Amino acid sequence: ERAVGFSTPASRPIIETELARALRQQLSFDVE
């Protein structure tokens, strides 16, 4: 939660979506 909180408002949905997908599919991800 604290890590996601460092993201800008526009970036938060991206990191939240990627993290949820990675957890669900047990995959890594790489986003800027």
PDB file of all heavy atoms in Angstrom:
ATOM      1  N   GLU A   1       0.827  -1.203   0.000  1.00  0.00           N
ATOM      2  CA  GLU A   1       0.000   0.000   0.000  1.00  0.00           C
ATOM      3  C   GLU A   1       0.866   1.259   0.000  1.00  0.00           C
ATOM      4  O   GLU A   1       0.590   2.218  -0.721  1.00  0.00           O
ATOM      5  CB  GLU A   1      -0.942   0.005   1.208  1.00  0.00           C
ATOM      6  CG  GLU A   1      -1.989  -1.090   1.180  1.00  0.00           C
ATOM      7  CD  GLU A   1      -1.444  -2.463   1.593  1.00  0.00           C
ATOM      8  OE1 GLU A   1      -0.362  -2.559   2.242  1.00  0.00           O
ATOM      9  OE2 GLU A   1      -2.072  -3.465   1.232  1.00  0.00           O
ATOM     10  N   ARG A   2       1.925   1.264   0.822  1.00  0.00           N
ATOM     11  CA  ARG A   2       2.803   2.439   0.881  1.00  0.00           C
ATOM     12  C   ARG A   2       3.538   2.619  -0.442  1.00  0.00           C
ATOM     13  O   ARG A   2       3.730   3.744  -0.899  1.00  0.00           O
ATOM     14  CB  ARG A   2       3.797   2.296   2.030  1.00  0.00           C
ATOM     15  CG  ARG A   2       3.132   2.434   3.394  1.00  0.00           C
ATOM     16  CD  ARG A   2       4.115   2.219   4.495  1.00  0.00           C
ATOM     17  NE  ARG A   2       4.708   3.509   4.886  1.00  0.00           N
ATOM     18  CZ  ARG A   2       5.589   3.646   5.852  1.00  0.00           C
ATOM     19  NH1 ARG A   2       6.022   2.594   6.528  1.00  0.00           N
ATOM     20  NH2 ARG A   2       6.065   4.831   6.153  1.00  0.00           N
ATOM     21  N   ALA A   3       3.961   1.510  -1.046  1.00  0.00           N
ATOM     22  CA  ALA A   3       4.679   1.583  -2.328  1.00  0.00           C
ATOM     23  C   ALA A   3       3.774   2.138  -3.420  1.00  0.00           C
ATOM     24  O   ALA A   3       4.179   3.027  -4.180  1.00  0.00           O
ATOM     25  CB  ALA A   3       5.208   0.207  -2.712  1.00  0.00           C
ATOM     26  N   VAL A   4       2.556   1.636  -3.505  1.00  0.00           N
ATOM     27  CA  VAL A   4       1.607   2.141  -4.501  1.00  0.00           C
ATOM     28  C   VAL A   4       1.320   3.611  -4.243  1.00  0.00           C
ATOM     29  O   VAL A   4       1.150   4.396  -5.175  1.00  0.00           O
ATOM     30  CB  VAL A   4       0.303   1.304  -4.506  1.00  0.00           C
ATOM     31  CG1 VAL A   4      -0.788   1.965  -5.334  1.00  0.00           C
ATOM     32  CG2 VAL A   4       0.578  -0.112  -5.018  1.00  0.00           C
ATOM     33  N   GLY A   5       1.332   4.017  -2.985  1.00  0.00           N
ATOM     34  CA  GLY A   5       1.072   5.402  -2.620  1.00  0.00           C
ATOM     35  C   GLY A   5       2.096   6.390  -3.166  1.00  0.00           C
ATOM     36  O   GLY A   5       1.817   7.574  -3.268  1.00  0.00           O
ATOM     37  N   PHE A   6       3.285   5.908  -3.547  1.00  0.00           N
ATOM     38  CA  PHE A   6       4.288   6.785  -4.151  1.00  0.00           C
ATOM     39  C   PHE A   6       3.953   7.100  -5.603  1.00  0.00           C
ATOM     40  O   PHE A   6       4.505   8.027  -6.181  1.00  0.00           O
ATOM     41  CB  PHE A   6       5.678   6.146  -4.095  1.00  0.00           C
ATOM     42  CG  PHE A   6       6.355   6.264  -2.758  1.00  0.00           C
ATOM     43  CD1 PHE A   6       6.382   5.194  -1.885  1.00  0.00           C
ATOM     44  CD2 PHE A   6       6.967   7.444  -2.385  1.00  0.00           C
ATOM     45  CE1 PHE A   6       7.018   5.295  -0.663  1.00  0.00           C
ATOM     46  CE2 PHE A   6       7.612   7.558  -1.158  1.00  0.00           C
ATOM     47  CZ  PHE A   6       7.628   6.475  -0.289  1.00  0.00           C
ATOM     48  N   SER A   7       3.082   6.323  -6.214  1.00  0.00           N
ATOM     49  CA  SER A   7       2.721   6.535  -7.622  1.00  0.00           C
ATOM     50  C   SER A   7       1.855   7.774  -7.775  1.00  0.00           C
ATOM     51  O   SER A   7       1.066   8.111  -6.889  1.00  0.00           O
ATOM     52  CB  SER A   7       1.938   5.331  -8.162  1.00  0.00           C
ATOM     53  OG  SER A   7       2.701   4.159  -8.053  1.00  0.00           O
ATOM     54  N   THR A   8       1.988   8.438  -8.910  1.00  0.00           N
ATOM     55  CA  THR A   8       1.114   9.574  -9.185  1.00  0.00           C
ATOM     56  C   THR A   8      -0.307   9.049  -9.372  1.00  0.00           C
ATOM     57  O   THR A   8      -0.507   7.860  -9.664  1.00  0.00           O
ATOM     58  CB  THR A   8       1.557  10.314 -10.465  1.00  0.00           C
ATOM     59  OG1 THR A   8       1.471   9.415 -11.566  1.00  0.00           O
ATOM     60  CG2 THR A   8       2.956  10.875 -10.325  1.00  0.00           C
ATOM     61  N   PRO A   9      -1.309   9.895  -9.228  1.00  0.00           N
ATOM     62  CA  PRO A   9      -2.691   9.435  -9.427  1.00  0.00           C
ATOM     63  C   PRO A   9      -2.907   8.759 -10.788  1.00  0.00           C
ATOM     64  O   PRO A   9      -3.631   7.762 -10.874  1.00  0.00           O
ATOM     65  CB  PRO A   9      -3.513  10.716  -9.297  1.00  0.00           C
ATOM     66  CG  PRO A   9      -2.712  11.555  -8.352  1.00  0.00           C
ATOM     67  CD  PRO A   9      -1.274  11.278  -8.724  1.00  0.00           C
ATOM     68  N   ALA A  10      -2.260   9.254 -11.825  1.00  0.00           N
ATOM     69  CA  ALA A  10      -2.419   8.645 -13.153  1.00  0.00           C
ATOM     70  C   ALA A  10      -1.737   7.281 -13.236  1.00  0.00           C
ATOM     71  O   ALA A  10      -2.162   6.412 -14.012  1.00  0.00           O
ATOM     72  CB  ALA A  10      -1.851   9.565 -14.226  1.00  0.00           C
ATOM     73  N   SER A  11      -0.692   7.065 -12.447  1.00  0.00           N
ATOM     74  CA  SER A  11       0.050   5.800 -12.483  1.00  0.00           C
ATOM     75  C   SER A  11      -0.547   4.717 -11.599  1.00  0.00           C
ATOM     76  O   SER A  11      -0.332   3.528 -11.822  1.00  0.00           O
ATOM     77  CB  SER A  11       1.500   6.030 -12.052  1.00  0.00           C
ATOM     78  OG  SER A  11       2.177   6.854 -12.963  1.00  0.00           O
ATOM     79  N   ARG A  12      -1.300   5.120 -10.571  1.00  0.00           N
ATOM     80  CA  ARG A  12      -1.829   4.139  -9.606  1.00  0.00           C
ATOM     81  C   ARG A  12      -2.661   3.032 -10.240  1.00  0.00           C
ATOM     82  O   ARG A  12      -2.436   1.856  -9.934  1.00  0.00           O
ATOM     83  CB  ARG A  12      -2.641   4.849  -8.531  1.00  0.00           C
ATOM     84  CG  ARG A  12      -1.822   5.052  -7.318  1.00  0.00           C
ATOM     85  CD  ARG A  12      -2.572   5.656  -6.158  1.00  0.00           C
ATOM     86  NE  ARG A  12      -1.593   6.549  -5.545  1.00  0.00           N
ATOM     87  CZ  ARG A  12      -1.788   7.800  -5.253  1.00  0.00           C
ATOM     88  NH1 ARG A  12      -2.958   8.343  -5.420  1.00  0.00           N
ATOM     89  NH2 ARG A  12      -0.822   8.522  -4.760  1.00  0.00           N
ATOM     90  N   PRO A  13      -3.605   3.329 -11.139  1.00  0.00           N
ATOM     91  CA  PRO A  13      -4.380   2.241 -11.734  1.00  0.00           C
ATOM     92  C   PRO A  13      -3.503   1.260 -12.518  1.00  0.00           C
ATOM     93  O   PRO A  13      -3.781   0.059 -12.543  1.00  0.00           O
ATOM     94  CB  PRO A  13      -5.364   2.941 -12.667  1.00  0.00           C
ATOM     95  CG  PRO A  13      -5.425   4.344 -12.200  1.00  0.00           C
ATOM     96  CD  PRO A  13      -4.088   4.633 -11.581  1.00  0.00           C
ATOM     97  N   ILE A  14      -2.430   1.754 -13.116  1.00  0.00           N
ATOM     98  CA  ILE A  14      -1.538   0.893 -13.891  1.00  0.00           C
ATOM     99  C   ILE A  14      -0.822  -0.082 -12.972  1.00  0.00           C
ATOM    100  O   ILE A  14      -0.821  -1.296 -13.208  1.00  0.00           O
ATOM    101  CB  ILE A  14      -0.522   1.739 -14.694  1.00  0.00           C
ATOM    102  CG1 ILE A  14      -1.249   2.616 -15.700  1.00  0.00           C
ATOM    103  CG2 ILE A  14       0.504   0.838 -15.383  1.00  0.00           C
ATOM    104  CD1 ILE A  14      -0.393   3.710 -16.313  1.00  0.00           C
ATOM    105  N   ILE A  15      -0.215   0.415 -11.899  1.00  0.00           N
ATOM    106  CA  ILE A  15       0.517  -0.459 -10.989  1.00  0.00           C
ATOM    107  C   ILE A  15      -0.425  -1.412 -10.272  1.00  0.00           C
ATOM    108  O   ILE A  15      -0.114  -2.586 -10.068  1.00  0.00           O
ATOM    109  CB  ILE A  15       1.404   0.337  -9.995  1.00  0.00           C
ATOM    110  CG1 ILE A  15       2.339  -0.586  -9.218  1.00  0.00           C
ATOM    111  CG2 ILE A  15       0.578   1.146  -9.028  1.00  0.00           C
ATOM    112  CD1 ILE A  15       3.419  -1.217 -10.013  1.00  0.00           C
ATOM    113  N   GLU A  16      -1.608  -0.934  -9.895  1.00  0.00           N
ATOM    114  CA  GLU A  16      -2.574  -1.811  -9.226  1.00  0.00           C
ATOM    115  C   GLU A  16      -3.032  -2.932 -10.151  1.00  0.00           C
ATOM    116  O   GLU A  16      -3.132  -4.088  -9.732  1.00  0.00           O
ATOM    117  CB  GLU A  16      -3.759  -0.993  -8.717  1.00  0.00           C
ATOM    118  CG  GLU A  16      -3.397  -0.097  -7.549  1.00  0.00           C
ATOM    119  CD  GLU A  16      -4.467   0.914  -7.190  1.00  0.00           C
ATOM    120  OE1 GLU A  16      -5.384   1.154  -8.003  1.00  0.00           O
ATOM    121  OE2 GLU A  16      -4.359   1.495  -6.095  1.00  0.00           O
ATOM    122  N   THR A  17      -3.281  -2.621 -11.418  1.00  0.00           N
ATOM    123  CA  THR A  17      -3.702  -3.635 -12.397  1.00  0.00           C
ATOM    124  C   THR A  17      -2.586  -4.636 -12.646  1.00  0.00           C
ATOM    125  O   THR A  17      -2.813  -5.848 -12.661  1.00  0.00           O
ATOM    126  CB  THR A  17      -4.125  -2.964 -13.725  1.00  0.00           C
ATOM    127  OG1 THR A  17      -5.235  -2.114 -13.459  1.00  0.00           O
ATOM    128  CG2 THR A  17      -4.504  -3.990 -14.773  1.00  0.00           C
ATOM    129  N   GLU A  18      -1.367  -4.140 -12.854  1.00  0.00           N
ATOM    130  CA  GLU A  18      -0.228  -5.029 -13.118  1.00  0.00           C
ATOM    131  C   GLU A  18       0.062  -5.922 -11.925  1.00  0.00           C
ATOM    132  O   GLU A  18       0.344  -7.110 -12.086  1.00  0.00           O
ATOM    133  CB  GLU A  18       1.010  -4.221 -13.499  1.00  0.00           C
ATOM    134  CG  GLU A  18       0.935  -3.629 -14.874  1.00  0.00           C
ATOM    135  CD  GLU A  18       0.831  -4.691 -15.962  1.00  0.00           C
ATOM    136  OE1 GLU A  18       1.606  -5.661 -15.955  1.00  0.00           O
ATOM    137  OE2 GLU A  18      -0.046  -4.545 -16.829  1.00  0.00           O
ATOM    138  N   LEU A  19       0.012  -5.380 -10.737  1.00  0.00           N
ATOM    139  CA  LEU A  19       0.266  -6.160  -9.536  1.00  0.00           C
ATOM    140  C   LEU A  19      -0.801  -7.240  -9.356  1.00  0.00           C
ATOM    141  O   LEU A  19      -0.480  -8.398  -9.073  1.00  0.00           O
ATOM    142  CB  LEU A  19       0.343  -5.255  -8.313  1.00  0.00           C
ATOM    143  CG  LEU A  19       0.677  -5.924  -6.992  1.00  0.00           C
ATOM    144  CD1 LEU A  19       2.006  -6.678  -7.063  1.00  0.00           C
ATOM    145  CD2 LEU A  19       0.716  -4.893  -5.871  1.00  0.00           C
ATOM    146  N   ALA A  20      -2.059  -6.883  -9.525  1.00  0.00           N
ATOM    147  CA  ALA A  20      -3.140  -7.863  -9.394  1.00  0.00           C
ATOM    148  C   ALA A  20      -2.996  -8.985 -10.424  1.00  0.00           C
ATOM    149  O   ALA A  20      -3.157 -10.162 -10.097  1.00  0.00           O
ATOM    150  CB  ALA A  20      -4.496  -7.173  -9.547  1.00  0.00           C
ATOM    151  N   ARG A  21      -2.658  -8.613 -11.661  1.00  0.00           N
ATOM    152  CA  ARG A  21      -2.469  -9.617 -12.707  1.00  0.00           C
ATOM    153  C   ARG A  21      -1.298 -10.532 -12.375  1.00  0.00           C
ATOM    154  O   ARG A  21      -1.368 -11.750 -12.493  1.00  0.00           O
ATOM    155  CB  ARG A  21      -2.237  -8.946 -14.058  1.00  0.00           C
ATOM    156  CG  ARG A  21      -2.113  -9.923 -15.232  1.00  0.00           C
ATOM    157  CD  ARG A  21      -1.729  -9.224 -16.537  1.00  0.00           C
ATOM    158  NE  ARG A  21      -0.453  -8.518 -16.461  1.00  0.00           N
ATOM    159  CZ  ARG A  21       0.755  -9.122 -16.499  1.00  0.00           C
ATOM    160  NH1 ARG A  21       0.836 -10.423 -16.599  1.00  0.00           N
ATOM    161  NH2 ARG A  21       1.850  -8.394 -16.415  1.00  0.00           N
ATOM    162  N   ALA A  22      -0.205  -9.936 -11.924  1.00  0.00           N
ATOM    163  CA  ALA A  22       0.984 -10.721 -11.582  1.00  0.00           C
ATOM    164  C   ALA A  22       0.701 -11.693 -10.445  1.00  0.00           C
ATOM    165  O   ALA A  22       1.122 -12.854 -10.484  1.00  0.00           O
ATOM    166  CB  ALA A  22       2.132  -9.786 -11.211  1.00  0.00           C
ATOM    167  N   LEU A  23      -0.026 -11.241  -9.443  1.00  0.00           N
ATOM    168  CA  LEU A  23      -0.375 -12.113  -8.324  1.00  0.00           C
ATOM    169  C   LEU A  23      -1.304 -13.235  -8.767  1.00  0.00           C
ATOM    170  O   LEU A  23      -1.133 -14.389  -8.375  1.00  0.00           O
ATOM    171  CB  LEU A  23      -1.015 -11.307  -7.196  1.00  0.00           C
ATOM    172  CG  LEU A  23      -0.090 -10.320  -6.498  1.00  0.00           C
ATOM    173  CD1 LEU A  23      -0.884  -9.456  -5.536  1.00  0.00           C
ATOM    174  CD2 LEU A  23       1.036 -11.044  -5.786  1.00  0.00           C
ATOM    175  N   ARG A  24      -2.277 -12.896  -9.597  1.00  0.00           N
ATOM    176  CA  ARG A  24      -3.246 -13.874 -10.075  1.00  0.00           C
ATOM    177  C   ARG A  24      -2.580 -14.935 -10.947  1.00  0.00           C
ATOM    178  O   ARG A  24      -2.853 -16.124 -10.830  1.00  0.00           O
ATOM    179  CB  ARG A  24      -4.352 -13.142 -10.835  1.00  0.00           C
ATOM    180  CG  ARG A  24      -5.565 -13.953 -11.178  1.00  0.00           C
ATOM    181  CD  ARG A  24      -6.692 -13.107 -11.803  1.00  0.00           C
ATOM    182  NE  ARG A  24      -6.252 -12.264 -12.909  1.00  0.00           N
ATOM    183  CZ  ARG A  24      -6.117 -10.931 -12.869  1.00  0.00           C
ATOM    184  NH1 ARG A  24      -6.375 -10.271 -11.764  1.00  0.00           N
ATOM    185  NH2 ARG A  24      -5.711 -10.254 -13.918  1.00  0.00           N
ATOM    186  N   GLN A  25      -1.684 -14.505 -11.830  1.00  0.00           N
ATOM    187  CA  GLN A  25      -1.053 -15.412 -12.786  1.00  0.00           C
ATOM    188  C   GLN A  25       0.337 -15.879 -12.340  1.00  0.00           C
ATOM    189  O   GLN A  25       0.982 -16.633 -13.050  1.00  0.00           O
ATOM    190  CB  GLN A  25      -0.949 -14.730 -14.156  1.00  0.00           C
ATOM    191  CG  GLN A  25      -2.296 -14.397 -14.738  1.00  0.00           C
ATOM    192  CD  GLN A  25      -2.186 -13.616 -16.043  1.00  0.00           C
ATOM    193  OE1 GLN A  25      -1.104 -13.369 -16.554  1.00  0.00           O
ATOM    194  NE2 GLN A  25      -3.327 -13.225 -16.578  1.00  0.00           N
ATOM    195  N   GLN A  26       0.781 -15.411 -11.177  1.00  0.00           N
ATOM    196  CA  GLN A  26       2.100 -15.738 -10.633  1.00  0.00           C
ATOM    197  C   GLN A  26       3.203 -15.421 -11.633  1.00  0.00           C
ATOM    198  O   GLN A  26       4.045 -16.252 -11.951  1.00  0.00           O
ATOM    199  CB  GLN A  26       2.146 -17.193 -10.174  1.00  0.00           C
ATOM    200  CG  GLN A  26       1.176 -17.477  -9.070  1.00  0.00           C
ATOM    201  CD  GLN A  26       1.251 -18.889  -8.545  1.00  0.00           C
ATOM    202  OE1 GLN A  26       2.069 -19.685  -8.956  1.00  0.00           O
ATOM    203  NE2 GLN A  26       0.379 -19.206  -7.612  1.00  0.00           N
ATOM    204  N   LEU A  27       3.168 -14.184 -12.126  1.00  0.00           N
ATOM    205  CA  LEU A  27       4.145 -13.703 -13.097  1.00  0.00           C
ATOM    206  C   LEU A  27       4.831 -12.452 -12.563  1.00  0.00           C
ATOM    207  O   LEU A  27       4.294 -11.743 -11.728  1.00  0.00           O
ATOM    208  CB  LEU A  27       3.446 -13.345 -14.412  1.00  0.00           C
ATOM    209  CG  LEU A  27       2.700 -14.448 -15.136  1.00  0.00           C
ATOM    210  CD1 LEU A  27       1.899 -13.862 -16.287  1.00  0.00           C
ATOM    211  CD2 LEU A  27       3.689 -15.490 -15.639  1.00  0.00           C
ATOM    212  N   SER A  28       5.998 -12.171 -13.100  1.00  0.00           N
ATOM    213  CA  SER A  28       6.637 -10.899 -12.796  1.00  0.00           C
ATOM    214  C   SER A  28       6.138  -9.857 -13.793  1.00  0.00           C
ATOM    215  O   SER A  28       5.454 -10.199 -14.762  1.00  0.00           O
ATOM    216  CB  SER A  28       8.162 -11.032 -12.895  1.00  0.00           C
ATOM    217  OG  SER A  28       8.529 -11.386 -14.199  1.00  0.00           O
ATOM    218  N   PHE A  29       6.463  -8.597 -13.551  1.00  0.00           N
ATOM    219  CA  PHE A  29       6.092  -7.549 -14.497  1.00  0.00           C
ATOM    220  C   PHE A  29       7.121  -6.443 -14.444  1.00  0.00           C
ATOM    221  O   PHE A  29       7.894  -6.323 -13.502  1.00  0.00           O
ATOM    222  CB  PHE A  29       4.677  -7.016 -14.239  1.00  0.00           C
ATOM    223  CG  PHE A  29       4.503  -6.314 -12.928  1.00  0.00           C
ATOM    224  CD1 PHE A  29       4.629  -4.931 -12.841  1.00  0.00           C
ATOM    225  CD2 PHE A  29       4.192  -7.017 -11.786  1.00  0.00           C
ATOM    226  CE1 PHE A  29       4.447  -4.277 -11.634  1.00  0.00           C
ATOM    227  CE2 PHE A  29       4.009  -6.373 -10.567  1.00  0.00           C
ATOM    228  CZ  PHE A  29       4.144  -4.998 -10.497  1.00  0.00           C
ATOM    229  N   ASP A  30       7.138  -5.646 -15.482  1.00  0.00           N
ATOM    230  CA  ASP A  30       8.088  -4.545 -15.590  1.00  0.00           C
ATOM    231  C   ASP A  30       7.367  -3.364 -16.219  1.00  0.00           C
ATOM    232  O   ASP A  30       6.964  -3.441 -17.386  1.00  0.00           O
ATOM    233  CB  ASP A  30       9.276  -4.975 -16.452  1.00  0.00           C
ATOM    234  CG  ASP A  30      10.333  -3.901 -16.591  1.00  0.00           C
ATOM    235  OD1 ASP A  30      10.298  -2.914 -15.813  1.00  0.00           O
ATOM    236  OD2 ASP A  30      11.186  -4.027 -17.459  1.00  0.00           O
ATOM    237  N   VAL A  31       7.156  -2.319 -15.443  1.00  0.00           N
ATOM    238  CA  VAL A  31       6.521  -1.110 -15.954  1.00  0.00           C
ATOM    239  C   VAL A  31       7.312   0.094 -15.457  1.00  0.00           C
ATOM    240  O   VAL A  31       7.969   0.058 -14.433  1.00  0.00           O
ATOM    241  CB  VAL A  31       5.046  -0.966 -15.506  1.00  0.00           C
ATOM    242  CG1 VAL A  31       4.176  -2.043 -16.087  1.00  0.00           C
ATOM    243  CG2 VAL A  31       4.919  -0.947 -13.998  1.00  0.00           C
ATOM    244  N   GLU A  32       7.271   1.157 -16.241  1.00  0.00           N
ATOM    245  CA  GLU A  32       7.879   2.419 -15.833  1.00  0.00           C
ATOM    246  C   GLU A  32       6.754   3.377 -15.517  1.00  0.00           C
ATOM    247  O   GLU A  32       5.875   3.613 -16.337  1.00  0.00           O
ATOM    248  CB  GLU A  32       8.741   2.982 -16.957  1.00  0.00           C
ATOM    249  CG  GLU A  32      10.023   2.222 -17.156  1.00  0.00           C
ATOM    250  CD  GLU A  32      10.945   2.910 -18.142  1.00  0.00           C
ATOM    251  OE1 GLU A  32      10.976   4.153 -18.181  1.00  0.00           O
ATOM    252  OE2 GLU A  32      11.634   2.176 -18.852  1.00  0.00           O
TER     253      GLU A  32
END
